[in-house]
Amino acid sequence: LFLALAIFTMVAIVGSVKPSIPWRHKFLFALLVSPILTYFFGIRPQIISWFFLALPVWLVNRLKRAPESKLVFAIPLIILAWANLHAGFIIGIAYLLIIIAIEGMKVFYFKYGKAIENVFLKKSATLTGQIWKKLLTMTILSLPLTLINPYGWRVYQEIWQTLTNSFAGSNIIEWLS
């Protein structure tokens, strides 16, 4: 189950970054890459966070291609479920906040700046101002939902203690690379 979840996650991420690639090629890529990552494919809870991180990555890229999509409203539910399954939800919140900052600067640049499209800045690869506001709103609404978990607000205390614990940092194998 964890291996299938990891393969699905890789397919979803590759699919969101390069939508023109056929699904069978994405799946083949995931199958070819998975043996390299077998070190991490044991029964490890962070695989759940890989899956949940793939969802907002896919969702943001989907919103760029189909701004009329209502998928943005799924963000609070994704974050709520993630916060109840693994403390890695904090990565999803960070990802969304970074995307909001970058896309906000792009929206501002195209609206008020001298918008010159180039290789790095394409209007077609930018969220519209309306979708950006929805993404911001859904992310902000997600923040209090992270408190609906067995730990309540202490989930943040636990994350902080884990991240600042030198013993954990030197003994959790995944953190050593």
Protein backbone atom coordinates (compact mmCIF):
# COMPACT_ATOMS: atom_id res chain seq x y z
CA LEU A 1 0.00 0.00 0.00
CA PHE A 2 2.79 2.43 0.89
CA LEU A 3 4.67 1.59 -2.32
CA ALA A 4 1.50 2.13 -4.37
CA LEU A 5 0.93 5.44 -2.60
CA ALA A 6 4.49 6.54 -3.36
CA ILE A 7 4.21 5.56 -7.03
CA PHE A 8 0.88 7.40 -7.31
CA THR A 9 2.50 10.46 -5.72
CA MET A 10 5.36 10.47 -8.23
CA VAL A 11 2.90 10.09 -11.12
CA ALA A 12 0.78 12.97 -9.76
CA ILE A 13 3.77 15.29 -9.35
CA VAL A 14 5.19 14.50 -12.79
CA GLY A 15 1.68 14.87 -14.21
CA SER A 16 1.16 18.28 -12.69
CA VAL A 17 4.52 19.63 -13.78
CA LYS A 18 4.34 18.32 -17.34
CA PRO A 19 0.67 17.66 -18.24
CA SER A 20 1.45 16.97 -21.89
CA ILE A 21 3.22 13.68 -21.06
CA PRO A 22 0.88 10.68 -21.52
CA TRP A 23 -0.15 8.91 -18.30
CA ARG A 24 1.45 5.63 -19.35
CA HIS A 25 4.82 7.39 -19.64
CA LYS A 26 4.37 9.02 -16.23
CA PHE A 27 3.55 5.64 -14.71
CA LEU A 28 6.56 4.04 -16.43
CA PHE A 29 8.77 6.82 -15.07
CA ALA A 30 7.44 6.23 -11.56
CA LEU A 31 8.07 2.49 -11.84
CA LEU A 32 11.63 3.08 -13.07
CA VAL A 33 12.40 5.60 -10.33
CA SER A 34 10.81 3.64 -7.49
CA PRO A 35 13.69 1.12 -7.09
CA ILE A 36 16.04 4.04 -6.47
CA LEU A 37 13.79 5.24 -3.68
CA THR A 38 13.21 1.83 -2.07
CA TYR A 39 15.34 2.92 0.87
CA PHE A 40 12.47 5.20 1.87
CA PHE A 41 9.64 2.81 0.95
CA GLY A 42 9.48 0.89 4.18
CA ILE A 43 6.45 1.33 6.37
CA ARG A 44 7.12 4.97 7.04
CA PRO A 45 4.50 7.55 7.93
CA GLN A 46 6.13 10.32 5.89
CA ILE A 47 4.95 8.61 2.70
CA ILE A 48 1.49 9.88 3.63
CA SER A 49 2.94 13.41 3.60
CA TRP A 50 4.48 12.78 0.16
CA PHE A 51 1.00 11.91 -1.09
CA PHE A 52 -0.64 14.90 0.58
CA LEU A 53 2.07 17.26 -0.72
CA ALA A 54 1.40 16.01 -4.24
CA LEU A 55 -2.22 17.11 -3.92
CA PRO A 56 -1.61 20.89 -3.54
CA VAL A 57 1.19 20.73 -6.14
CA TRP A 58 -1.21 19.11 -8.58
CA LEU A 59 -4.04 21.43 -7.56
CA VAL A 60 -2.06 24.66 -8.08
CA ASN A 61 -0.86 23.50 -11.49
CA ARG A 62 -4.41 22.48 -12.39
CA LEU A 63 -5.69 25.94 -11.40
CA LYS A 64 -3.17 27.53 -13.76
CA ARG A 65 -4.51 25.46 -16.66
CA ALA A 66 -8.19 25.56 -15.66
CA PRO A 67 -8.92 28.67 -13.55
CA GLU A 68 -12.65 27.91 -13.54
CA SER A 69 -12.01 24.74 -11.53
CA LYS A 70 -13.62 24.52 -8.10
CA LEU A 71 -10.76 22.34 -6.78
CA VAL A 72 -9.38 25.26 -4.78
CA PHE A 73 -12.17 24.64 -2.29
CA ALA A 74 -10.67 21.22 -1.48
CA ILE A 75 -7.59 22.76 0.16
CA PRO A 76 -9.09 23.03 3.67
CA LEU A 77 -10.23 19.39 3.53
CA ILE A 78 -6.81 18.25 2.33
CA ILE A 79 -5.07 20.14 5.13
CA LEU A 80 -7.57 18.89 7.73
CA ALA A 81 -7.05 15.27 6.73
CA TRP A 82 -3.28 15.72 6.51
CA ALA A 83 -3.06 17.34 9.95
CA ASN A 84 -4.79 14.28 11.39
CA LEU A 85 -2.47 11.79 9.68
CA HIS A 86 1.05 13.25 9.87
CA ALA A 87 2.80 16.33 11.23
CA GLY A 88 4.25 16.91 7.76
CA PHE A 89 1.14 19.01 7.04
CA ILE A 90 3.32 21.96 8.00
CA ILE A 91 5.20 21.41 4.71
CA GLY A 92 1.92 21.75 2.83
CA ILE A 93 1.10 24.99 4.61
CA ALA A 94 4.61 26.29 3.83
CA TYR A 95 4.29 25.23 0.18
CA LEU A 96 0.93 26.99 -0.17
CA LEU A 97 2.24 30.17 1.48
CA ILE A 98 5.31 30.20 -0.81
CA ILE A 99 3.10 29.69 -3.89
CA ILE A 100 0.77 32.45 -2.70
CA ALA A 101 3.72 34.83 -2.27
CA ILE A 102 5.24 34.01 -5.67
CA GLU A 103 1.92 34.06 -7.54
CA GLY A 104 0.92 37.25 -5.74
CA MET A 105 4.08 38.97 -6.96
CA LYS A 106 3.39 37.73 -10.49
CA VAL A 107 -0.23 38.93 -10.38
CA PHE A 108 0.95 42.32 -9.11
CA TYR A 109 3.70 42.47 -11.75
CA PHE A 110 1.32 41.74 -14.61
CA LYS A 111 -1.32 44.14 -13.28
CA TYR A 112 0.83 47.13 -12.29
CA GLY A 113 4.33 46.52 -13.62
CA LYS A 114 5.74 46.53 -17.07
CA ALA A 115 4.78 42.99 -17.89
CA ILE A 116 7.29 41.54 -20.29
CA GLU A 117 6.74 37.85 -20.79
CA ASN A 118 9.92 35.81 -20.97
CA VAL A 119 11.12 32.29 -20.34
CA PHE A 120 10.78 32.70 -16.57
CA LEU A 121 7.60 34.75 -16.45
CA LYS A 122 4.66 33.75 -18.57
CA LYS A 123 1.20 35.16 -18.05
CA SER A 124 -0.32 31.84 -19.07
CA ALA A 125 1.59 30.15 -16.22
CA THR A 126 0.30 32.61 -13.61
CA LEU A 127 -2.82 32.32 -11.50
CA THR A 128 -5.44 34.95 -12.21
CA GLY A 129 -5.99 37.55 -9.51
CA GLN A 130 -9.39 36.05 -8.65
CA ILE A 131 -8.00 32.50 -8.31
CA TRP A 132 -5.04 33.83 -6.32
CA LYS A 133 -7.48 35.42 -3.84
CA LYS A 134 -9.40 32.14 -3.56
CA LEU A 135 -6.16 30.22 -2.97
CA LEU A 136 -5.15 32.73 -0.30
CA THR A 137 -8.58 32.54 1.36
CA MET A 138 -8.67 28.72 1.36
CA THR A 139 -5.15 28.55 2.78
CA ILE A 140 -6.01 31.00 5.56
CA LEU A 141 -9.18 29.02 6.30
CA SER A 142 -7.04 25.88 6.50
CA LEU A 143 -4.87 27.22 9.32
CA PRO A 144 -7.42 26.92 12.13
CA LEU A 145 -8.49 23.52 10.76
CA THR A 146 -5.04 22.16 11.60
CA LEU A 147 -6.04 22.48 15.25
CA ILE A 148 -8.78 19.87 14.78
CA ASN A 149 -6.63 16.85 15.57
CA PRO A 150 -5.98 14.66 18.63
CA TYR A 151 -3.20 17.02 19.83
CA GLY A 152 -5.05 20.30 19.27
CA TRP A 153 -2.70 23.29 19.34
CA ARG A 154 0.02 21.08 20.82
CA VAL A 155 0.66 19.64 17.37
CA TYR A 156 2.70 22.79 16.67
CA GLN A 157 4.56 22.37 19.95
CA GLU A 158 5.36 18.77 18.98
CA ILE A 159 6.58 19.83 15.53
CA TRP A 160 8.81 22.51 17.07
CA GLN A 161 10.22 20.11 19.67
CA THR A 162 10.92 17.48 17.03
CA LEU A 163 12.60 19.91 14.64
CA THR A 164 14.78 21.45 17.36
CA ASN A 165 15.69 18.17 19.05
CA SER A 166 19.36 17.46 18.30
CA PHE A 167 18.96 13.76 19.19
CA ALA A 168 16.15 13.39 16.64
CA GLY A 169 18.14 15.29 14.04
CA SER A 170 21.11 12.97 14.40
CA ASN A 171 19.17 9.70 14.74
CA ILE A 172 16.24 9.91 12.33
CA ILE A 173 17.68 8.25 9.25
CA GLU A 174 15.64 10.28 6.76
CA TRP A 175 17.01 13.53 8.20
CA LEU A 176 20.66 12.51 7.83
CA SER A 177 20.88 12.93 4.05
